[in-house]
């Protein structure tokens, strides 16, 4: 057996072993494995939750200004539909 065949056999074995582990987890827990965390998320300091600080700043600053949009009624301020 030469080196290339040995390497292909090893890669195939790793692939089928990991596929087998996933299938066993699916059969035992009867749900799909979660993929919401990876080690890369920890390294880059990503969070599962998104921060909406900029959105809050826009909402806070919406009341201040020169009332260019004073004739526009937002759906949140409207009590009933016309």
N, C-alpha and C. Protein backbone atom coordinates (compact mmCIF):
# COMPACT_ATOMS: atom_id res chain seq x y z
N UNK A 1 0.86 -1.17 0.00
CA UNK A 1 0.00 0.00 0.00
C UNK A 1 0.90 1.23 0.00
N UNK A 2 0.75 2.08 -0.97
CA UNK A 2 1.62 3.25 -0.99
C UNK A 2 1.04 4.37 -0.11
N UNK A 3 1.76 5.45 -0.01
CA UNK A 3 1.42 6.53 0.92
C UNK A 3 0.12 7.23 0.54
N UNK A 4 -0.14 7.43 -0.74
CA UNK A 4 -1.35 8.13 -1.17
C UNK A 4 -2.60 7.33 -0.80
N UNK A 5 -2.57 6.04 -1.02
CA UNK A 5 -3.71 5.20 -0.66
C UNK A 5 -3.91 5.19 0.85
N UNK A 6 -2.83 5.16 1.60
CA UNK A 6 -2.92 5.18 3.06
C UNK A 6 -3.54 6.48 3.55
N UNK A 7 -3.15 7.62 2.95
CA UNK A 7 -3.70 8.91 3.34
C UNK A 7 -5.19 9.00 2.98
N UNK A 8 -5.56 8.54 1.80
CA UNK A 8 -6.97 8.55 1.41
C UNK A 8 -7.81 7.67 2.32
N UNK A 9 -7.28 6.54 2.71
CA UNK A 9 -7.99 5.66 3.64
C UNK A 9 -8.17 6.34 4.99
N UNK A 10 -7.16 7.04 5.47
CA UNK A 10 -7.25 7.74 6.76
C UNK A 10 -8.26 8.87 6.73
N UNK A 11 -8.26 9.64 5.64
CA UNK A 11 -9.22 10.74 5.52
C UNK A 11 -10.64 10.20 5.43
N UNK A 12 -10.82 9.14 4.68
CA UNK A 12 -12.15 8.52 4.58
C UNK A 12 -12.62 7.96 5.91
N UNK A 13 -11.70 7.35 6.66
CA UNK A 13 -12.06 6.80 7.97
C UNK A 13 -12.48 7.91 8.93
N UNK A 14 -11.77 9.02 8.93
CA UNK A 14 -12.14 10.15 9.79
C UNK A 14 -13.51 10.69 9.40
N UNK A 15 -13.76 10.82 8.11
CA UNK A 15 -15.04 11.34 7.63
C UNK A 15 -16.18 10.43 8.06
N UNK A 16 -16.05 9.13 7.82
CA UNK A 16 -17.13 8.20 8.15
C UNK A 16 -17.29 8.04 9.65
N UNK A 17 -16.22 8.17 10.41
CA UNK A 17 -16.32 8.10 11.87
C UNK A 17 -17.11 9.30 12.40
N UNK A 18 -16.80 10.49 11.91
CA UNK A 18 -17.53 11.67 12.36
C UNK A 18 -18.99 11.62 11.90
N UNK A 19 -19.24 11.13 10.70
CA UNK A 19 -20.61 10.98 10.22
C UNK A 19 -21.37 9.97 11.08
N UNK A 20 -20.71 8.91 11.49
CA UNK A 20 -21.34 7.92 12.37
C UNK A 20 -21.68 8.50 13.73
N UNK A 21 -20.81 9.34 14.28
CA UNK A 21 -21.08 9.97 15.57
C UNK A 21 -22.31 10.88 15.47
N UNK A 22 -22.41 11.63 14.39
CA UNK A 22 -23.56 12.51 14.20
C UNK A 22 -24.85 11.70 14.08
N UNK A 23 -24.81 10.61 13.34
CA UNK A 23 -26.01 9.77 13.18
C UNK A 23 -26.43 9.18 14.52
N UNK A 24 -25.48 8.73 15.33
CA UNK A 24 -25.80 8.18 16.64
C UNK A 24 -26.42 9.25 17.53
N UNK A 25 -25.88 10.47 17.51
CA UNK A 25 -26.46 11.55 18.31
C UNK A 25 -27.88 11.87 17.87
N UNK A 26 -28.12 11.86 16.58
CA UNK A 26 -29.47 12.14 16.07
C UNK A 26 -30.44 11.05 16.52
N UNK A 27 -30.02 9.80 16.45
CA UNK A 27 -30.90 8.70 16.83
C UNK A 27 -31.16 8.66 18.33
N UNK A 28 -30.16 8.97 19.14
CA UNK A 28 -30.34 8.91 20.59
C UNK A 28 -31.13 10.09 21.13
N UNK A 29 -30.88 11.29 20.65
CA UNK A 29 -31.56 12.46 21.19
C UNK A 29 -32.80 12.84 20.40
N UNK A 30 -32.98 12.26 19.24
CA UNK A 30 -34.13 12.51 18.36
C UNK A 30 -34.26 13.99 17.98
N UNK A 31 -33.14 14.69 17.90
CA UNK A 31 -33.11 16.05 17.38
C UNK A 31 -31.76 16.29 16.74
N UNK A 32 -31.67 17.30 15.90
CA UNK A 32 -30.43 17.60 15.22
C UNK A 32 -29.41 18.21 16.18
N UNK A 33 -28.14 17.90 16.03
CA UNK A 33 -27.13 18.52 16.88
C UNK A 33 -27.07 20.03 16.65
N UNK A 34 -26.84 20.76 17.71
CA UNK A 34 -26.79 22.21 17.62
C UNK A 34 -25.46 22.65 17.02
N UNK A 35 -25.50 23.66 16.17
CA UNK A 35 -24.27 24.18 15.57
C UNK A 35 -24.13 25.67 15.85
N UNK A 36 -24.63 26.14 16.99
CA UNK A 36 -24.62 27.57 17.26
C UNK A 36 -23.33 28.04 17.93
N UNK A 37 -22.40 27.16 18.22
CA UNK A 37 -21.13 27.58 18.81
C UNK A 37 -19.99 26.86 18.12
N UNK A 38 -18.98 27.60 17.77
CA UNK A 38 -17.76 27.02 17.24
C UNK A 38 -16.59 27.64 17.99
N UNK A 39 -15.45 26.99 18.06
CA UNK A 39 -14.29 27.60 18.72
C UNK A 39 -13.89 28.92 18.09
N UNK A 40 -14.18 29.10 16.80
CA UNK A 40 -13.85 30.35 16.13
C UNK A 40 -14.64 31.51 16.74
N UNK A 41 -15.87 31.25 17.20
CA UNK A 41 -16.66 32.29 17.86
C UNK A 41 -15.96 32.77 19.13
N UNK A 42 -15.36 31.86 19.88
CA UNK A 42 -14.66 32.23 21.11
C UNK A 42 -13.42 33.06 20.79
N UNK A 43 -12.69 32.68 19.75
CA UNK A 43 -11.46 33.38 19.39
C UNK A 43 -11.76 34.81 18.94
N UNK A 44 -12.81 34.98 18.16
CA UNK A 44 -13.12 36.30 17.61
C UNK A 44 -14.11 37.08 18.48
N UNK A 45 -14.48 36.54 19.63
CA UNK A 45 -15.37 37.19 20.60
C UNK A 45 -16.75 37.47 20.02
N UNK A 46 -17.27 36.56 19.22
CA UNK A 46 -18.63 36.72 18.71
C UNK A 46 -19.61 36.21 19.74
N UNK A 47 -20.78 36.76 19.71
CA UNK A 47 -21.84 36.36 20.63
C UNK A 47 -22.99 35.78 19.83
N UNK A 48 -23.80 34.95 20.48
CA UNK A 48 -24.98 34.42 19.83
C UNK A 48 -26.05 35.49 19.69
N UNK A 49 -25.97 36.54 20.50
CA UNK A 49 -26.97 37.60 20.49
C UNK A 49 -26.41 38.83 19.80
N UNK A 50 -27.24 39.50 19.06
CA UNK A 50 -26.82 40.71 18.36
C UNK A 50 -27.12 41.91 19.24
N UNK A 51 -26.24 42.88 19.19
CA UNK A 51 -26.43 44.10 19.95
C UNK A 51 -27.01 45.16 19.02
N UNK A 52 -28.01 45.86 19.50
CA UNK A 52 -28.68 46.87 18.69
C UNK A 52 -28.51 48.25 19.30
N UNK A 53 -27.29 48.59 19.68
CA UNK A 53 -27.03 49.90 20.27
C UNK A 53 -27.32 51.01 19.27
N UNK A 54 -26.93 50.82 18.03
CA UNK A 54 -27.15 51.86 17.02
C UNK A 54 -28.63 52.08 16.79
N UNK A 55 -29.41 51.01 16.83
CA UNK A 55 -30.84 51.14 16.64
C UNK A 55 -31.46 51.95 17.79
N UNK A 56 -30.98 51.73 19.01
CA UNK A 56 -31.49 52.48 20.16
C UNK A 56 -31.13 53.95 20.04
N UNK A 57 -29.93 54.24 19.55
CA UNK A 57 -29.53 55.64 19.39
C UNK A 57 -30.41 56.34 18.37
N UNK A 58 -30.77 55.64 17.31
CA UNK A 58 -31.64 56.23 16.29
C UNK A 58 -33.01 56.52 16.89
N UNK A 59 -33.52 55.58 17.71
CA UNK A 59 -34.82 55.79 18.34
C UNK A 59 -34.77 56.96 19.31
N UNK A 60 -33.68 57.09 20.06
CA UNK A 60 -33.55 58.19 21.01
C UNK A 60 -33.45 59.53 20.29
N UNK A 61 -32.74 59.56 19.17
CA UNK A 61 -32.56 60.80 18.43
C UNK A 61 -33.74 61.12 17.52
N UNK A 62 -34.70 60.23 17.40
CA UNK A 62 -35.83 60.48 16.52
C UNK A 62 -36.71 61.60 17.05
N UNK A 63 -36.77 61.78 18.37
CA UNK A 63 -37.60 62.83 18.95
C UNK A 63 -36.95 64.20 18.84
N UNK A 64 -35.65 64.26 18.67
CA UNK A 64 -34.93 65.53 18.60
C UNK A 64 -34.74 65.92 17.14
N UNK A 65 -34.68 67.21 16.88
CA UNK A 65 -34.39 67.63 15.51
C UNK A 65 -35.31 68.74 15.06
N UNK A 66 -35.34 68.94 13.77
CA UNK A 66 -36.10 70.06 13.21
C UNK A 66 -37.44 69.62 12.64
N UNK A 67 -37.93 68.47 13.02
CA UNK A 67 -39.24 67.95 12.63
C UNK A 67 -39.44 67.87 11.13
N UNK A 68 -38.44 67.37 10.42
CA UNK A 68 -38.59 67.17 8.98
C UNK A 68 -39.62 66.09 8.69
N UNK A 69 -39.73 65.13 9.60
CA UNK A 69 -40.66 64.03 9.39
C UNK A 69 -41.87 64.14 10.31
N UNK A 70 -42.32 65.33 10.64
CA UNK A 70 -43.42 65.49 11.58
C UNK A 70 -44.75 65.04 10.99
N UNK A 71 -44.89 65.02 9.66
CA UNK A 71 -46.14 64.60 9.05
C UNK A 71 -46.22 63.09 8.85
N UNK A 72 -45.13 62.39 9.10
CA UNK A 72 -45.11 60.94 8.94
C UNK A 72 -45.55 60.32 10.26
N UNK A 73 -46.58 59.50 10.22
CA UNK A 73 -47.09 58.84 11.42
C UNK A 73 -46.54 57.42 11.43
N UNK A 74 -45.86 57.07 12.49
CA UNK A 74 -45.33 55.72 12.58
C UNK A 74 -46.44 54.78 13.03
N UNK A 75 -46.31 53.51 12.71
CA UNK A 75 -47.32 52.53 13.07
C UNK A 75 -47.39 52.32 14.57
N UNK A 76 -46.28 52.53 15.28
CA UNK A 76 -46.29 52.32 16.72
C UNK A 76 -47.06 53.42 17.43
N UNK A 77 -47.13 54.64 16.89
CA UNK A 77 -47.84 55.73 17.53
C UNK A 77 -49.33 55.74 17.17
N UNK A 78 -49.69 55.09 16.09
CA UNK A 78 -51.07 55.10 15.63
C UNK A 78 -51.92 54.19 16.52
N UNK A 79 -53.07 54.67 16.99
CA UNK A 79 -53.93 53.87 17.87
C UNK A 79 -54.86 52.98 17.08
N UNK A 80 -55.34 53.44 15.92
CA UNK A 80 -56.20 52.61 15.09
C UNK A 80 -55.93 52.92 13.62
N UNK A 81 -56.30 52.00 12.78
CA UNK A 81 -56.08 52.19 11.36
C UNK A 81 -57.14 53.13 10.80
N UNK A 82 -56.80 53.96 9.80
CA UNK A 82 -57.79 54.90 9.24
C UNK A 82 -58.87 54.20 8.46
